[in-house]
Amino acid sequence: MAFSTSSDNDDVLSEINITPLVDVMLVLLVAFIVTAPLLNNAVHVNLPKTVATAPADSKSAVTVSVDAKGTIWLDKRATALSVLPAQLAALKANRPDIALNLQADEGVPYGTVAKLMAAIEHAGITRLSVLTTGNG
């Protein structure tokens, strides 16, 4: 230890020993590194059933539908996903405050609906209603 009993050196020892602080900090760092991936994978999501929703503007809104076969319909006209953003951008150019109603069959894979929503966002449309039927 750094204790001295001689009286000829009466200076105060003003150094802080940081080794224990570094040890504690490293242990905490390792604990956080180990537990962080476990926290992200422990989330389980149960999707809720919704009550029936109504369209925001049923008179002026454009309806985009996806049937059980995966066919995309833009106001009752069949269209391809590749040309949908251009068609929606043209509609938005004519009506800047356009509202969209999205209907998807429950048998449609989530990936198809996600691609459709990305195309809608890519067209610059921000007013989107996702329509559901009421099951409670």
Protein backbone atom coordinates (compact mmCIF):
# COMPACT_ATOMS: atom_id res chain seq x y z
CA MET A 1 0.00 0.00 0.00
CA ALA A 2 0.97 3.63 -0.21
CA PHE A 3 1.02 4.33 3.52
CA SER A 4 4.04 6.05 4.95
CA THR A 5 4.82 6.49 8.64
CA SER A 6 7.76 8.78 8.26
CA SER A 7 7.14 12.43 9.04
CA ASP A 8 9.50 13.87 6.42
CA ASN A 9 6.94 13.26 3.60
CA ASP A 10 3.64 14.86 4.69
CA ASP A 11 2.18 15.40 1.18
CA VAL A 12 -1.42 14.39 0.68
CA LEU A 13 -1.94 11.53 -1.76
CA SER A 14 -4.32 13.01 -4.36
CA GLU A 15 -4.43 10.25 -6.96
CA ILE A 16 -7.65 8.35 -7.60
CA ASN A 17 -7.33 4.67 -8.24
CA ILE A 18 -9.55 4.12 -11.31
CA THR A 19 -8.85 0.42 -11.77
CA PRO A 20 -11.95 -0.72 -9.79
CA LEU A 21 -14.10 1.75 -11.72
CA VAL A 22 -12.86 0.40 -15.05
CA ASP A 23 -13.48 -3.17 -13.88
CA VAL A 24 -17.08 -2.40 -12.93
CA MET A 25 -17.65 -0.56 -16.20
CA LEU A 26 -16.33 -3.49 -18.24
CA VAL A 27 -18.54 -5.95 -16.36
CA LEU A 28 -21.59 -3.76 -17.04
CA LEU A 29 -20.62 -3.45 -20.70
CA VAL A 30 -20.38 -7.22 -21.09
CA ALA A 31 -23.72 -7.66 -19.31
CA PHE A 32 -25.43 -5.19 -21.69
CA ILE A 33 -23.84 -6.79 -24.75
CA VAL A 34 -25.09 -10.21 -23.70
CA THR A 35 -28.64 -9.12 -22.80
CA ALA A 36 -29.34 -6.67 -25.67
CA PRO A 37 -30.02 -9.32 -28.36
CA LEU A 38 -32.28 -11.23 -25.99
CA LEU A 39 -34.48 -8.18 -25.44
CA ASN A 40 -35.14 -7.73 -29.18
CA ASN A 41 -36.11 -11.35 -29.81
CA ALA A 42 -38.40 -11.65 -26.80
CA VAL A 43 -41.22 -9.52 -28.26
CA HIS A 44 -44.31 -11.50 -29.30
CA VAL A 45 -47.00 -9.71 -31.26
CA ASN A 46 -50.64 -10.78 -31.42
CA LEU A 47 -52.43 -8.75 -34.05
CA PRO A 48 -55.77 -7.41 -32.81
CA LYS A 49 -59.14 -7.77 -34.45
CA THR A 50 -60.65 -4.45 -35.39
CA VAL A 51 -64.07 -2.95 -35.53
CA ALA A 52 -65.46 -2.05 -38.93
CA THR A 53 -63.82 1.02 -40.41
CA ALA A 54 -65.33 3.51 -42.79
CA PRO A 55 -63.50 5.28 -45.58
CA ALA A 56 -62.25 8.76 -44.84
CA ASP A 57 -63.74 10.42 -47.94
CA SER A 58 -65.86 7.84 -49.69
CA LYS A 59 -66.93 10.23 -52.46
CA SER A 60 -63.56 11.61 -53.52
CA ALA A 61 -61.22 8.84 -52.36
CA VAL A 62 -59.50 6.46 -54.74
CA THR A 63 -59.78 2.79 -53.83
CA VAL A 64 -56.86 0.41 -54.26
CA SER A 65 -57.79 -3.23 -53.78
CA VAL A 66 -55.94 -6.54 -53.78
CA ASP A 67 -58.05 -9.66 -54.29
CA ALA A 68 -57.30 -13.19 -53.11
CA LYS A 69 -55.38 -13.99 -56.31
CA GLY A 70 -53.05 -11.01 -55.75
CA THR A 71 -54.48 -8.87 -58.55
CA ILE A 72 -54.24 -5.14 -57.84
CA TRP A 73 -57.23 -2.98 -58.71
CA LEU A 74 -57.12 0.81 -58.95
CA ASP A 75 -60.73 2.04 -58.87
CA LYS A 76 -62.03 -1.24 -60.35
CA ARG A 77 -59.37 -1.32 -63.10
CA ALA A 78 -56.77 -4.09 -62.96
CA THR A 79 -53.20 -2.77 -62.88
CA ALA A 80 -49.70 -4.08 -62.33
CA LEU A 81 -47.63 -3.19 -59.28
CA SER A 82 -44.81 -1.89 -61.50
CA VAL A 83 -46.98 0.84 -63.08
CA LEU A 84 -49.03 1.67 -59.98
CA PRO A 85 -46.67 4.39 -58.60
CA ALA A 86 -46.79 6.27 -61.92
CA GLN A 87 -50.58 6.06 -62.04
CA LEU A 88 -50.88 7.24 -58.44
CA ALA A 89 -48.42 10.08 -59.06
CA ALA A 90 -50.54 11.21 -62.01
CA LEU A 91 -53.65 11.14 -59.83
CA LYS A 92 -51.81 13.13 -57.14
CA ALA A 93 -50.71 15.71 -59.74
CA ASN A 94 -54.36 16.29 -60.67
CA ARG A 95 -55.57 16.30 -57.04
CA PRO A 96 -52.85 17.19 -54.49
CA ASP A 97 -55.13 16.39 -51.52
CA ILE A 98 -56.04 12.92 -52.78
CA ALA A 99 -57.11 10.31 -50.23
CA LEU A 100 -56.64 6.58 -50.76
CA ASN A 101 -58.63 3.63 -49.41
CA LEU A 102 -56.70 0.36 -49.29
CA GLN A 103 -58.60 -2.94 -49.26
CA ALA A 104 -56.76 -6.26 -49.15
CA ASP A 105 -58.19 -9.76 -48.98
CA GLU A 106 -57.19 -11.50 -45.74
CA GLY A 107 -55.63 -14.33 -47.77
CA VAL A 108 -53.16 -12.00 -49.47
CA PRO A 109 -49.58 -12.41 -48.18
CA TYR A 110 -48.23 -9.56 -46.10
CA GLY A 111 -45.38 -9.00 -48.56
CA THR A 112 -47.80 -8.05 -51.31
CA VAL A 113 -49.58 -5.53 -49.11
CA ALA A 114 -46.24 -4.11 -47.92
CA LYS A 115 -45.08 -3.63 -51.54
CA LEU A 116 -48.37 -1.94 -52.34
CA MET A 117 -48.05 0.43 -49.39
CA ALA A 118 -44.47 1.23 -50.43
CA ALA A 119 -45.69 2.06 -53.94
CA ILE A 120 -48.34 4.37 -52.47
CA GLU A 121 -45.73 6.11 -50.33
CA HIS A 122 -43.37 6.35 -53.30
CA ALA A 123 -46.11 8.16 -55.23
CA GLY A 124 -46.20 10.79 -52.47
CA ILE A 125 -49.69 10.04 -51.15
CA THR A 126 -49.94 10.63 -47.41
CA ARG A 127 -53.69 10.24 -46.78
CA LEU A 128 -54.25 6.47 -46.60
CA SER A 129 -57.09 4.55 -44.98
CA VAL A 130 -56.73 0.80 -44.51
CA LEU A 131 -60.21 -0.68 -44.60
CA THR A 132 -61.18 -3.72 -42.54
CA THR A 133 -64.37 -5.58 -41.73
CA GLY A 134 -65.70 -5.81 -38.21
CA ASN A 135 -65.03 -8.95 -36.19
CA GLY A 136 -65.12 -7.40 -32.78
